[in-house]
């Protein structure tokens, strides 16, 4: 059974092939809990945000 978040933009009838892909928000938490694949996560989850890198000294 598949549950879609929103209805397809075209009519799906018997015999029509569709491709369904599971979404990813590219976060370590999603990779670990939803897909069980944290060991292969290739992002940088522990780097500070861009706002931290652009601060002036003393701010």
PDB file of N, CA and C in Angstrom:
ATOM      1  N   UNK A   1       0.841  -1.167   0.000  1.00  0.00           N
ATOM      2  CA  UNK A   1       0.000   0.000   0.000  1.00  0.00           C
ATOM      3  C   UNK A   1       0.891   1.237   0.000  1.00  0.00           C
ATOM      4  N   UNK A   2       0.522   2.210  -0.788  1.00  0.00           N
ATOM      5  CA  UNK A   2       1.250   3.471  -0.881  1.00  0.00           C
ATOM      6  C   UNK A   2       0.284   4.603  -0.601  1.00  0.00           C
ATOM      7  N   UNK A   3       0.692   5.530   0.256  1.00  0.00           N
ATOM      8  CA  UNK A   3      -0.103   6.718   0.533  1.00  0.00           C
ATOM      9  C   UNK A   3       0.656   7.926   0.019  1.00  0.00           C
ATOM     10  N   UNK A   4       0.044   8.701  -0.856  1.00  0.00           N
ATOM     11  CA  UNK A   4       0.684   9.877  -1.433  1.00  0.00           C
ATOM     12  C   UNK A   4       0.347  11.118  -0.621  1.00  0.00           C
ATOM     13  N   UNK A   5       1.302  12.035  -0.526  1.00  0.00           N
ATOM     14  CA  UNK A   5       1.079  13.291   0.198  1.00  0.00           C
ATOM     15  C   UNK A   5       0.093  14.176  -0.552  1.00  0.00           C
ATOM     16  N   UNK A   6       0.196  14.212  -1.872  1.00  0.00           N
ATOM     17  CA  UNK A   6      -0.713  15.001  -2.694  1.00  0.00           C
ATOM     18  C   UNK A   6      -1.107  14.167  -3.907  1.00  0.00           C
ATOM     19  N   UNK A   7      -2.242  14.454  -4.503  1.00  0.00           N
ATOM     20  CA  UNK A   7      -2.680  13.661  -5.652  1.00  0.00           C
ATOM     21  C   UNK A   7      -1.770  13.894  -6.861  1.00  0.00           C
ATOM     22  N   UNK A   8      -1.629  12.900  -7.719  1.00  0.00           N
ATOM     23  CA  UNK A   8      -0.797  13.073  -8.909  1.00  0.00           C
ATOM     24  C   UNK A   8      -1.403  14.109  -9.863  1.00  0.00           C
ATOM     25  N   UNK A   9      -0.555  14.700 -10.686  1.00  0.00           N
ATOM     26  CA  UNK A   9      -1.012  15.742 -11.616  1.00  0.00           C
ATOM     27  C   UNK A   9      -1.704  15.153 -12.842  1.00  0.00           C
ATOM     28  N   UNK A  10      -1.681  13.847 -12.973  1.00  0.00           N
ATOM     29  CA  UNK A  10      -2.338  13.183 -14.103  1.00  0.00           C
ATOM     30  C   UNK A  10      -3.169  12.028 -13.564  1.00  0.00           C
ATOM     31  N   UNK A  11      -4.094  11.559 -14.365  1.00  0.00           N
ATOM     32  CA  UNK A  11      -4.956  10.450 -13.952  1.00  0.00           C
ATOM     33  C   UNK A  11      -4.166   9.146 -13.993  1.00  0.00           C
ATOM     34  N   UNK A  12      -4.187   8.416 -12.904  1.00  0.00           N
ATOM     35  CA  UNK A  12      -3.526   7.114 -12.846  1.00  0.00           C
ATOM     36  C   UNK A  12      -4.607   6.050 -12.995  1.00  0.00           C
ATOM     37  N   UNK A  13      -4.497   5.276 -14.043  1.00  0.00           N
ATOM     38  CA  UNK A  13      -5.459   4.204 -14.293  1.00  0.00           C
ATOM     39  C   UNK A  13      -4.702   2.886 -14.402  1.00  0.00           C
ATOM     40  N   UNK A  14      -5.409   1.806 -14.306  1.00  0.00           N
ATOM     41  CA  UNK A  14      -4.801   0.486 -14.389  1.00  0.00           C
ATOM     42  C   UNK A  14      -4.007   0.349 -15.687  1.00  0.00           C
ATOM     43  N   UNK A  15      -2.790  -0.155 -15.577  1.00  0.00           N
ATOM     44  CA  UNK A  15      -1.947  -0.358 -16.745  1.00  0.00           C
ATOM     45  C   UNK A  15      -0.955   0.769 -16.997  1.00  0.00           C
ATOM     46  N   UNK A  16      -1.122   1.908 -16.340  1.00  0.00           N
ATOM     47  CA  UNK A  16      -0.207   3.035 -16.517  1.00  0.00           C
ATOM     48  C   UNK A  16       0.962   2.863 -15.542  1.00  0.00           C
ATOM     49  N   UNK A  17       2.185   2.975 -16.033  1.00  0.00           N
ATOM     50  CA  UNK A  17       3.362   2.864 -15.180  1.00  0.00           C
ATOM     51  C   UNK A  17       3.685   4.218 -14.561  1.00  0.00           C
ATOM     52  N   UNK A  18       3.954   4.212 -13.282  1.00  0.00           N
ATOM     53  CA  UNK A  18       4.366   5.430 -12.586  1.00  0.00           C
ATOM     54  C   UNK A  18       5.619   5.121 -11.784  1.00  0.00           C
ATOM     55  N   UNK A  19       6.431   6.146 -11.546  1.00  0.00           N
ATOM     56  CA  UNK A  19       7.613   5.986 -10.713  1.00  0.00           C
ATOM     57  C   UNK A  19       7.373   6.727  -9.399  1.00  0.00           C
ATOM     58  N   UNK A  20       7.579   6.046  -8.309  1.00  0.00           N
ATOM     59  CA  UNK A  20       7.402   6.628  -6.986  1.00  0.00           C
ATOM     60  C   UNK A  20       8.763   6.620  -6.306  1.00  0.00           C
ATOM     61  N   UNK A  21       9.185   7.794  -5.817  1.00  0.00           N
ATOM     62  CA  UNK A  21      10.474   7.903  -5.137  1.00  0.00           C
ATOM     63  C   UNK A  21      10.264   8.437  -3.730  1.00  0.00           C
ATOM     64  N   UNK A  22      10.945   7.843  -2.773  1.00  0.00           N
ATOM     65  CA  UNK A  22      10.843   8.291  -1.389  1.00  0.00           C
ATOM     66  C   UNK A  22      11.667   9.550  -1.213  1.00  0.00           C
ATOM     67  N   UNK A  23      11.083  10.560  -0.595  1.00  0.00           N
ATOM     68  CA  UNK A  23      11.748  11.853  -0.447  1.00  0.00           C
ATOM     69  C   UNK A  23      12.773  11.884   0.666  1.00  0.00           C
ATOM     70  N   UNK A  24      13.670  12.856   0.587  1.00  0.00           N
ATOM     71  CA  UNK A  24      14.722  13.036   1.580  1.00  0.00           C
ATOM     72  C   UNK A  24      14.974  14.525   1.764  1.00  0.00           C
ATOM     73  N   UNK A  25      15.034  14.977   3.028  1.00  0.00           N
ATOM     74  CA  UNK A  25      15.326  16.389   3.280  1.00  0.00           C
ATOM     75  C   UNK A  25      16.819  16.638   3.503  1.00  0.00           C
ATOM     76  N   UNK A  26      17.643  15.640   3.275  1.00  0.00           N
ATOM     77  CA  UNK A  26      19.103  15.717   3.344  1.00  0.00           C
ATOM     78  C   UNK A  26      19.620  16.087   4.733  1.00  0.00           C
ATOM     79  N   UNK A  27      18.948  15.602   5.781  1.00  0.00           N
ATOM     80  CA  UNK A  27      19.426  15.820   7.141  1.00  0.00           C
ATOM     81  C   UNK A  27      19.905  14.492   7.722  1.00  0.00           C
ATOM     82  N   UNK A  28      20.846  14.568   8.656  1.00  0.00           N
ATOM     83  CA  UNK A  28      21.384  13.364   9.282  1.00  0.00           C
ATOM     84  C   UNK A  28      20.293  12.601  10.035  1.00  0.00           C
ATOM     85  N   UNK A  29      19.397  13.322  10.693  1.00  0.00           N
ATOM     86  CA  UNK A  29      18.329  12.665  11.449  1.00  0.00           C
ATOM     87  C   UNK A  29      17.431  11.827  10.542  1.00  0.00           C
ATOM     88  N   UNK A  30      17.061  12.364   9.399  1.00  0.00           N
ATOM     89  CA  UNK A  30      16.223  11.618   8.453  1.00  0.00           C
ATOM     90  C   UNK A  30      16.977  10.421   7.905  1.00  0.00           C
ATOM     91  N   UNK A  31      18.237  10.624   7.583  1.00  0.00           N
ATOM     92  CA  UNK A  31      19.051   9.542   7.032  1.00  0.00           C
ATOM     93  C   UNK A  31      19.148   8.382   8.032  1.00  0.00           C
ATOM     94  N   UNK A  32      19.293   8.717   9.300  1.00  0.00           N
ATOM     95  CA  UNK A  32      19.443   7.689  10.327  1.00  0.00           C
ATOM     96  C   UNK A  32      18.127   7.004  10.664  1.00  0.00           C
ATOM     97  N   UNK A  33      17.067   7.786  10.891  1.00  0.00           N
ATOM     98  CA  UNK A  33      15.818   7.185  11.360  1.00  0.00           C
ATOM     99  C   UNK A  33      14.971   6.588  10.243  1.00  0.00           C
ATOM    100  N   UNK A  34      14.853   7.295   9.146  1.00  0.00           N
ATOM    101  CA  UNK A  34      13.951   6.838   8.082  1.00  0.00           C
ATOM    102  C   UNK A  34      14.589   5.783   7.185  1.00  0.00           C
ATOM    103  N   UNK A  35      15.871   5.976   6.887  1.00  0.00           N
ATOM    104  CA  UNK A  35      16.527   5.077   5.950  1.00  0.00           C
ATOM    105  C   UNK A  35      17.537   4.141   6.613  1.00  0.00           C
ATOM    106  N   UNK A  36      17.885   4.371   7.889  1.00  0.00           N
ATOM    107  CA  UNK A  36      18.852   3.519   8.577  1.00  0.00           C
ATOM    108  C   UNK A  36      20.217   3.545   7.917  1.00  0.00           C
ATOM    109  N   UNK A  37      20.635   4.709   7.436  1.00  0.00           N
ATOM    110  CA  UNK A  37      21.841   4.802   6.631  1.00  0.00           C
ATOM    111  C   UNK A  37      22.754   5.942   7.092  1.00  0.00           C
ATOM    112  N   UNK A  38      22.825   6.195   8.395  1.00  0.00           N
ATOM    113  CA  UNK A  38      23.644   7.296   8.899  1.00  0.00           C
ATOM    114  C   UNK A  38      25.126   7.080   8.627  1.00  0.00           C
ATOM    115  N   UNK A  39      25.570   5.842   8.567  1.00  0.00           N
ATOM    116  CA  UNK A  39      26.990   5.562   8.326  1.00  0.00           C
ATOM    117  C   UNK A  39      27.438   6.070   6.959  1.00  0.00           C
ATOM    118  N   UNK A  40      26.534   6.144   6.003  1.00  0.00           N
ATOM    119  CA  UNK A  40      26.889   6.598   4.656  1.00  0.00           C
ATOM    120  C   UNK A  40      26.467   8.037   4.379  1.00  0.00           C
ATOM    121  N   UNK A  41      26.014   8.760   5.410  1.00  0.00           N
ATOM    122  CA  UNK A  41      25.611  10.155   5.240  1.00  0.00           C
ATOM    123  C   UNK A  41      26.821  10.973   4.819  1.00  0.00           C
ATOM    124  N   UNK A  42      26.693  11.757   3.743  1.00  0.00           N
ATOM    125  CA  UNK A  42      27.831  12.492   3.209  1.00  0.00           C
ATOM    126  C   UNK A  42      27.731  14.000   3.413  1.00  0.00           C
ATOM    127  N   UNK A  43      26.881  14.437   4.329  1.00  0.00           N
ATOM    128  CA  UNK A  43      26.743  15.856   4.612  1.00  0.00           C
ATOM    129  C   UNK A  43      27.644  16.276   5.762  1.00  0.00           C
ATOM    130  N   UNK A  44      27.480  17.499   6.201  1.00  0.00           N
ATOM    131  CA  UNK A  44      28.246  18.051   7.318  1.00  0.00           C
ATOM    132  C   UNK A  44      27.269  18.539   8.383  1.00  0.00           C
ATOM    133  N   UNK A  45      26.702  17.649   9.198  1.00  0.00           N
ATOM    134  CA  UNK A  45      25.656  18.042  10.134  1.00  0.00           C
ATOM    135  C   UNK A  45      26.143  18.865  11.324  1.00  0.00           C
ATOM    136  N   UNK A  46      27.437  18.868  11.600  1.00  0.00           N
ATOM    137  CA  UNK A  46      27.926  19.534  12.802  1.00  0.00           C
ATOM    138  C   UNK A  46      28.659  20.839  12.531  1.00  0.00           C
ATOM    139  N   UNK A  47      28.621  21.335  11.301  1.00  0.00           N
ATOM    140  CA  UNK A  47      29.228  22.626  10.997  1.00  0.00           C
ATOM    141  C   UNK A  47      28.279  23.740  11.412  1.00  0.00           C
ATOM    142  N   UNK A  48      28.812  24.857  11.872  1.00  0.00           N
ATOM    143  CA  UNK A  48      27.928  25.971  12.237  1.00  0.00           C
ATOM    144  C   UNK A  48      27.283  26.566  10.992  1.00  0.00           C
ATOM    145  N   UNK A  49      26.164  27.226  11.190  1.00  0.00           N
ATOM    146  CA  UNK A  49      25.467  27.855  10.068  1.00  0.00           C
ATOM    147  C   UNK A  49      26.261  29.008   9.487  1.00  0.00           C
ATOM    148  N   UNK A  50      25.886  29.470   8.317  1.00  0.00           N
ATOM    149  CA  UNK A  50      26.597  30.538   7.628  1.00  0.00           C
ATOM    150  C   UNK A  50      26.581  31.836   8.435  1.00  0.00           C
ATOM    151  N   UNK A  51      25.561  32.051   9.251  1.00  0.00           N
ATOM    152  CA  UNK A  51      25.504  33.269  10.052  1.00  0.00           C
ATOM    153  C   UNK A  51      26.644  33.320  11.075  1.00  0.00           C
ATOM    154  N   UNK A  52      27.053  32.184  11.608  1.00  0.00           N
ATOM    155  CA  UNK A  52      28.150  32.139  12.558  1.00  0.00           C
ATOM    156  C   UNK A  52      29.481  32.469  11.878  1.00  0.00           C
ATOM    157  N   UNK A  53      29.633  32.051  10.646  1.00  0.00           N
ATOM    158  CA  UNK A  53      30.887  32.278   9.926  1.00  0.00           C
ATOM    159  C   UNK A  53      31.047  33.709   9.445  1.00  0.00           C
ATOM    160  N   UNK A  54      29.968  34.474   9.326  1.00  0.00           N
ATOM    161  CA  UNK A  54      30.060  35.830   8.796  1.00  0.00           C
ATOM    162  C   UNK A  54      29.986  36.907   9.876  1.00  0.00           C
ATOM    163  N   UNK A  55      30.007  36.518  11.134  1.00  0.00           N
ATOM    164  CA  UNK A  55      29.972  37.506  12.218  1.00  0.00           C
ATOM    165  C   UNK A  55      31.285  38.273  12.298  1.00  0.00           C
ATOM    166  N   UNK A  56      31.204  39.519  12.713  1.00  0.00           N
ATOM    167  CA  UNK A  56      32.399  40.335  12.961  1.00  0.00           C
ATOM    168  C   UNK A  56      32.924  40.009  14.347  1.00  0.00           C
ATOM    169  N   UNK A  57      34.235  40.109  14.567  1.00  0.00           N
ATOM    170  CA  UNK A  57      34.775  39.867  15.923  1.00  0.00           C
ATOM    171  C   UNK A  57      34.125  40.801  16.936  1.00  0.00           C
ATOM    172  N   UNK A  58      33.793  40.280  18.082  1.00  0.00           N
ATOM    173  CA  UNK A  58      33.193  41.078  19.135  1.00  0.00           C
ATOM    174  C   UNK A  58      31.677  41.152  19.081  1.00  0.00           C
ATOM    175  N   UNK A  59      31.051  40.565  18.067  1.00  0.00           N
ATOM    176  CA  UNK A  59      29.578  40.591  17.965  1.00  0.00           C
ATOM    177  C   UNK A  59      28.995  39.372  18.617  1.00  0.00           C
TER     178      UNK A  59
END
